[in-house]
N, C-alpha and C. Protein backbone atom coordinates (compact mmCIF):
# COMPACT_ATOMS: atom_id res chain seq x y z
N MET A 1 -32.18 -39.53 10.98
CA MET A 1 -31.93 -38.27 10.32
C MET A 1 -30.39 -37.82 10.77
N PRO A 2 -29.56 -37.82 9.83
CA PRO A 2 -28.02 -37.41 10.14
C PRO A 2 -27.96 -35.93 10.43
N ILE A 3 -26.80 -35.70 11.06
CA ILE A 3 -26.55 -34.34 11.38
C ILE A 3 -26.36 -33.49 10.18
N SER A 4 -26.93 -32.36 10.27
CA SER A 4 -26.91 -31.51 9.06
C SER A 4 -25.47 -30.78 8.88
N ASP A 5 -25.22 -30.53 7.73
CA ASP A 5 -23.92 -30.04 7.36
C ASP A 5 -23.73 -28.64 8.15
N ASP A 6 -24.80 -27.85 8.24
CA ASP A 6 -24.73 -26.61 8.96
C ASP A 6 -24.52 -26.74 10.34
N LEU A 7 -24.86 -27.79 11.15
CA LEU A 7 -24.59 -28.01 12.38
C LEU A 7 -23.14 -28.46 12.41
N LEU A 8 -22.61 -29.29 11.60
CA LEU A 8 -21.31 -29.87 11.59
C LEU A 8 -20.33 -28.72 11.47
N GLU A 9 -20.63 -27.66 10.69
CA GLU A 9 -19.75 -26.68 10.56
C GLU A 9 -19.33 -25.77 11.85
N ILE A 10 -20.44 -25.78 12.66
CA ILE A 10 -20.16 -24.98 14.01
C ILE A 10 -19.74 -25.79 15.05
N LEU A 11 -20.03 -27.16 15.03
CA LEU A 11 -19.52 -27.92 16.30
C LEU A 11 -17.97 -28.08 16.27
N CYS A 12 -17.47 -28.00 17.52
CA CYS A 12 -16.02 -28.36 17.83
C CYS A 12 -15.88 -28.88 19.17
N CYS A 13 -14.64 -29.37 19.50
CA CYS A 13 -14.35 -29.91 20.79
C CYS A 13 -14.59 -28.87 21.74
N PRO A 14 -15.34 -29.07 22.84
CA PRO A 14 -15.55 -28.03 23.76
C PRO A 14 -14.31 -27.60 24.67
N GLU A 15 -13.25 -28.46 24.57
CA GLU A 15 -12.09 -28.29 25.38
C GLU A 15 -11.00 -27.57 24.44
N THR A 16 -10.84 -28.17 23.22
CA THR A 16 -9.62 -27.66 22.46
C THR A 16 -10.13 -26.75 21.36
N LYS A 17 -11.42 -26.79 21.09
CA LYS A 17 -12.06 -25.95 20.03
C LYS A 17 -11.73 -26.48 18.59
N VAL A 18 -11.10 -27.64 18.53
CA VAL A 18 -10.79 -28.21 17.24
C VAL A 18 -12.19 -28.61 16.60
N PRO A 19 -12.33 -28.29 15.32
CA PRO A 19 -13.56 -28.81 14.67
C PRO A 19 -13.72 -30.25 14.57
N VAL A 20 -14.94 -30.77 14.38
CA VAL A 20 -15.22 -32.21 14.38
C VAL A 20 -15.86 -32.58 12.92
N GLU A 21 -15.82 -33.96 12.70
CA GLU A 21 -16.38 -34.35 11.46
C GLU A 21 -16.92 -35.67 11.89
N MET A 22 -17.75 -36.26 10.94
CA MET A 22 -18.37 -37.62 11.23
C MET A 22 -17.29 -38.59 11.20
N LEU A 23 -17.36 -39.66 12.16
CA LEU A 23 -16.53 -40.81 12.29
C LEU A 23 -17.01 -41.78 11.29
N ALA A 24 -16.06 -42.20 10.34
CA ALA A 24 -16.34 -43.20 9.35
C ALA A 24 -16.95 -44.51 9.98
N ALA A 25 -17.85 -45.17 9.14
CA ALA A 25 -18.45 -46.45 9.66
C ALA A 25 -17.64 -47.42 9.98
N ASP A 26 -16.44 -47.62 9.32
CA ASP A 26 -15.47 -48.73 9.64
C ASP A 26 -14.70 -48.36 10.90
N ARG A 27 -14.58 -47.13 11.19
CA ARG A 27 -14.12 -46.73 12.46
C ARG A 27 -15.08 -46.93 13.71
N VAL A 28 -16.28 -46.68 13.38
CA VAL A 28 -17.28 -47.00 14.36
C VAL A 28 -17.30 -48.46 14.79
N GLU A 29 -17.25 -49.29 13.85
CA GLU A 29 -17.27 -50.62 13.94
C GLU A 29 -16.00 -51.11 14.92
N LYS A 30 -14.86 -50.52 14.40
CA LYS A 30 -13.55 -50.89 15.30
C LYS A 30 -13.72 -50.36 16.70
N LEU A 31 -14.36 -49.14 16.82
CA LEU A 31 -14.48 -48.61 18.16
C LEU A 31 -15.42 -49.58 18.95
N ASN A 32 -16.52 -49.94 18.41
CA ASN A 32 -17.51 -50.79 19.11
C ASN A 32 -16.90 -52.16 19.50
N ARG A 33 -16.01 -52.78 18.68
CA ARG A 33 -15.38 -54.00 19.09
C ARG A 33 -14.49 -53.86 20.32
N GLN A 34 -13.81 -52.67 20.35
CA GLN A 34 -12.99 -52.43 21.63
C GLN A 34 -13.86 -52.09 22.87
N ILE A 35 -15.07 -51.36 22.64
CA ILE A 35 -15.89 -51.08 23.62
C ILE A 35 -16.52 -52.57 24.24
N ALA A 36 -16.83 -53.39 23.30
CA ALA A 36 -17.31 -54.68 23.69
C ALA A 36 -16.33 -55.45 24.55
N ALA A 37 -15.13 -55.25 24.20
CA ALA A 37 -14.01 -55.93 24.88
C ALA A 37 -13.64 -55.20 26.24
N GLY A 38 -14.27 -54.22 26.56
CA GLY A 38 -13.94 -53.38 27.78
C GLY A 38 -12.77 -52.60 27.81
N LYS A 39 -12.23 -52.26 26.69
CA LYS A 39 -10.94 -51.65 26.54
C LYS A 39 -11.10 -50.06 26.34
N VAL A 40 -12.26 -49.56 26.41
CA VAL A 40 -12.35 -48.13 26.14
C VAL A 40 -12.86 -47.39 27.51
N THR A 41 -12.17 -46.22 27.71
CA THR A 41 -12.44 -45.52 28.78
C THR A 41 -12.64 -44.06 28.36
N ALA A 42 -13.73 -43.36 28.97
CA ALA A 42 -14.03 -42.13 28.59
C ALA A 42 -12.90 -41.20 29.28
N VAL A 43 -12.87 -39.91 28.79
CA VAL A 43 -11.92 -38.99 29.45
C VAL A 43 -12.12 -38.78 30.84
N GLY A 44 -13.42 -38.90 31.32
CA GLY A 44 -13.64 -38.77 32.64
C GLY A 44 -13.42 -39.96 33.62
N GLY A 45 -12.83 -41.05 32.99
CA GLY A 45 -12.31 -42.28 33.66
C GLY A 45 -13.36 -43.32 33.66
N GLU A 46 -14.46 -43.27 33.36
CA GLU A 46 -15.40 -44.36 33.25
C GLU A 46 -15.22 -45.27 32.11
N THR A 47 -15.48 -46.60 32.28
CA THR A 47 -15.40 -47.43 31.10
C THR A 47 -16.68 -47.11 30.31
N VAL A 48 -16.39 -47.16 29.04
CA VAL A 48 -17.55 -46.98 28.05
C VAL A 48 -18.20 -48.34 27.86
N GLN A 49 -19.56 -48.37 28.14
CA GLN A 49 -20.31 -49.55 28.17
C GLN A 49 -21.12 -49.68 26.89
N LYS A 50 -21.73 -48.65 26.49
CA LYS A 50 -22.75 -48.58 25.34
C LYS A 50 -22.05 -48.43 23.96
N PRO A 51 -22.36 -49.44 23.03
CA PRO A 51 -21.81 -49.22 21.65
C PRO A 51 -22.32 -47.81 21.11
N VAL A 52 -21.49 -47.55 20.11
CA VAL A 52 -21.77 -46.18 19.38
C VAL A 52 -22.49 -46.45 18.06
N GLN A 53 -23.51 -45.81 17.88
CA GLN A 53 -24.26 -45.95 16.65
C GLN A 53 -23.58 -45.02 15.48
N GLU A 54 -23.32 -43.69 16.01
CA GLU A 54 -22.61 -42.72 15.16
C GLU A 54 -21.75 -41.84 16.11
N ALA A 55 -20.88 -41.20 15.52
CA ALA A 55 -19.96 -40.48 16.32
C ALA A 55 -19.34 -39.49 15.50
N LEU A 56 -18.69 -38.42 16.17
CA LEU A 56 -17.97 -37.34 15.61
C LEU A 56 -16.43 -37.42 16.13
N ILE A 57 -15.64 -37.05 15.41
CA ILE A 57 -14.14 -37.21 15.82
C ILE A 57 -13.51 -35.84 15.33
N THR A 58 -12.66 -35.39 16.27
CA THR A 58 -12.02 -33.94 16.01
C THR A 58 -11.12 -34.31 14.84
N THR A 59 -11.07 -33.18 14.07
CA THR A 59 -10.31 -33.12 12.83
C THR A 59 -8.79 -33.47 13.02
N ASP A 60 -8.27 -33.32 14.25
CA ASP A 60 -6.79 -33.85 14.57
C ASP A 60 -6.96 -35.25 14.99
N GLY A 61 -7.96 -35.96 14.91
CA GLY A 61 -8.04 -37.28 15.31
C GLY A 61 -7.85 -37.68 16.67
N LYS A 62 -7.98 -36.73 17.72
CA LYS A 62 -7.64 -37.02 19.00
C LYS A 62 -8.73 -37.51 20.02
N THR A 63 -9.97 -37.03 19.57
CA THR A 63 -11.09 -37.21 20.55
C THR A 63 -12.36 -37.58 19.66
N ILE A 64 -13.17 -38.57 20.34
CA ILE A 64 -14.39 -39.11 19.69
C ILE A 64 -15.53 -38.60 20.71
N TYR A 65 -16.65 -38.10 20.09
CA TYR A 65 -17.77 -37.73 20.77
C TYR A 65 -18.90 -38.62 20.18
N ARG A 66 -19.70 -39.28 21.07
CA ARG A 66 -20.79 -40.09 20.44
C ARG A 66 -21.99 -39.32 20.07
N ILE A 67 -22.98 -39.82 19.24
CA ILE A 67 -24.06 -39.18 18.96
C ILE A 67 -25.20 -40.07 19.30
N ASP A 68 -26.11 -39.54 20.24
CA ASP A 68 -27.21 -40.35 20.77
C ASP A 68 -28.50 -39.83 20.15
N ASP A 69 -29.34 -40.60 19.44
CA ASP A 69 -30.58 -40.11 19.00
C ASP A 69 -30.45 -38.79 18.21
N ASN A 70 -29.42 -38.74 17.27
CA ASN A 70 -29.12 -37.69 16.48
C ASN A 70 -28.80 -36.44 17.21
N ILE A 71 -28.27 -36.54 18.37
CA ILE A 71 -27.79 -35.44 19.21
C ILE A 71 -26.48 -35.62 19.63
N PRO A 72 -25.45 -34.81 19.25
CA PRO A 72 -24.00 -34.91 19.55
C PRO A 72 -23.95 -34.70 21.05
N VAL A 73 -23.15 -35.64 21.62
CA VAL A 73 -22.89 -35.49 23.13
C VAL A 73 -21.49 -35.01 23.25
N MET A 74 -21.38 -33.56 23.36
CA MET A 74 -20.22 -32.73 23.37
C MET A 74 -19.73 -32.48 24.68
N LEU A 75 -19.69 -33.50 25.55
CA LEU A 75 -19.28 -33.26 26.96
C LEU A 75 -17.85 -33.88 27.04
N VAL A 76 -16.77 -33.11 27.57
CA VAL A 76 -15.52 -33.44 27.52
C VAL A 76 -15.30 -34.85 28.38
N ASP A 77 -15.98 -34.93 29.52
CA ASP A 77 -15.80 -36.21 30.26
C ASP A 77 -16.26 -37.44 29.64
N GLN A 78 -17.28 -37.30 28.66
CA GLN A 78 -17.72 -38.34 27.98
C GLN A 78 -17.01 -38.65 26.62
N GLY A 79 -16.11 -37.89 26.27
CA GLY A 79 -15.37 -38.03 25.02
C GLY A 79 -14.38 -39.30 25.21
N VAL A 80 -13.94 -39.86 24.12
CA VAL A 80 -12.98 -40.90 24.05
C VAL A 80 -11.65 -40.40 23.41
N ALA A 81 -10.63 -40.42 24.19
CA ALA A 81 -9.30 -40.17 23.60
C ALA A 81 -8.93 -41.38 22.77
N THR A 82 -8.53 -41.04 21.51
CA THR A 82 -8.16 -42.14 20.48
C THR A 82 -6.68 -42.88 20.95
N ARG A 83 -5.91 -42.20 21.58
CA ARG A 83 -4.70 -42.69 22.01
C ARG A 83 -4.79 -44.05 22.66
N GLN A 84 -5.75 -44.30 23.31
CA GLN A 84 -6.05 -45.59 24.06
C GLN A 84 -6.40 -46.80 23.04
N LEU A 85 -6.85 -46.43 21.94
CA LEU A 85 -7.46 -47.41 21.00
C LEU A 85 -6.31 -48.30 20.26
N GLU A 86 -6.48 -49.35 20.21
CA GLU A 86 -5.62 -50.31 19.44
C GLU A 86 -5.80 -50.22 17.92
N ASP A 87 -4.74 -50.24 17.13
CA ASP A 87 -4.76 -50.19 15.70
C ASP A 87 -5.66 -49.03 15.14
N TRP A 88 -5.60 -47.94 15.86
CA TRP A 88 -6.50 -46.86 15.37
C TRP A 88 -5.82 -46.11 14.24
């Protein structure tokens, strides 16, 4: 079950308050390739190990938040800064 539009309208980055939107499927694939290569680090400093099924991205394109079991994980330390990603 995808995230409802009503929920998407109220979600935002907990740090910057920038709204979020769904990350496109092609970007999820690109992110997962970099995760598999061990090249992705969460804001908190830990290497991201688990591939992403779905994700949200801030509308300014700076931070990605994963969605686990249809629940957005809106924790700053677990966000992924896009500036580290290759060919983003």
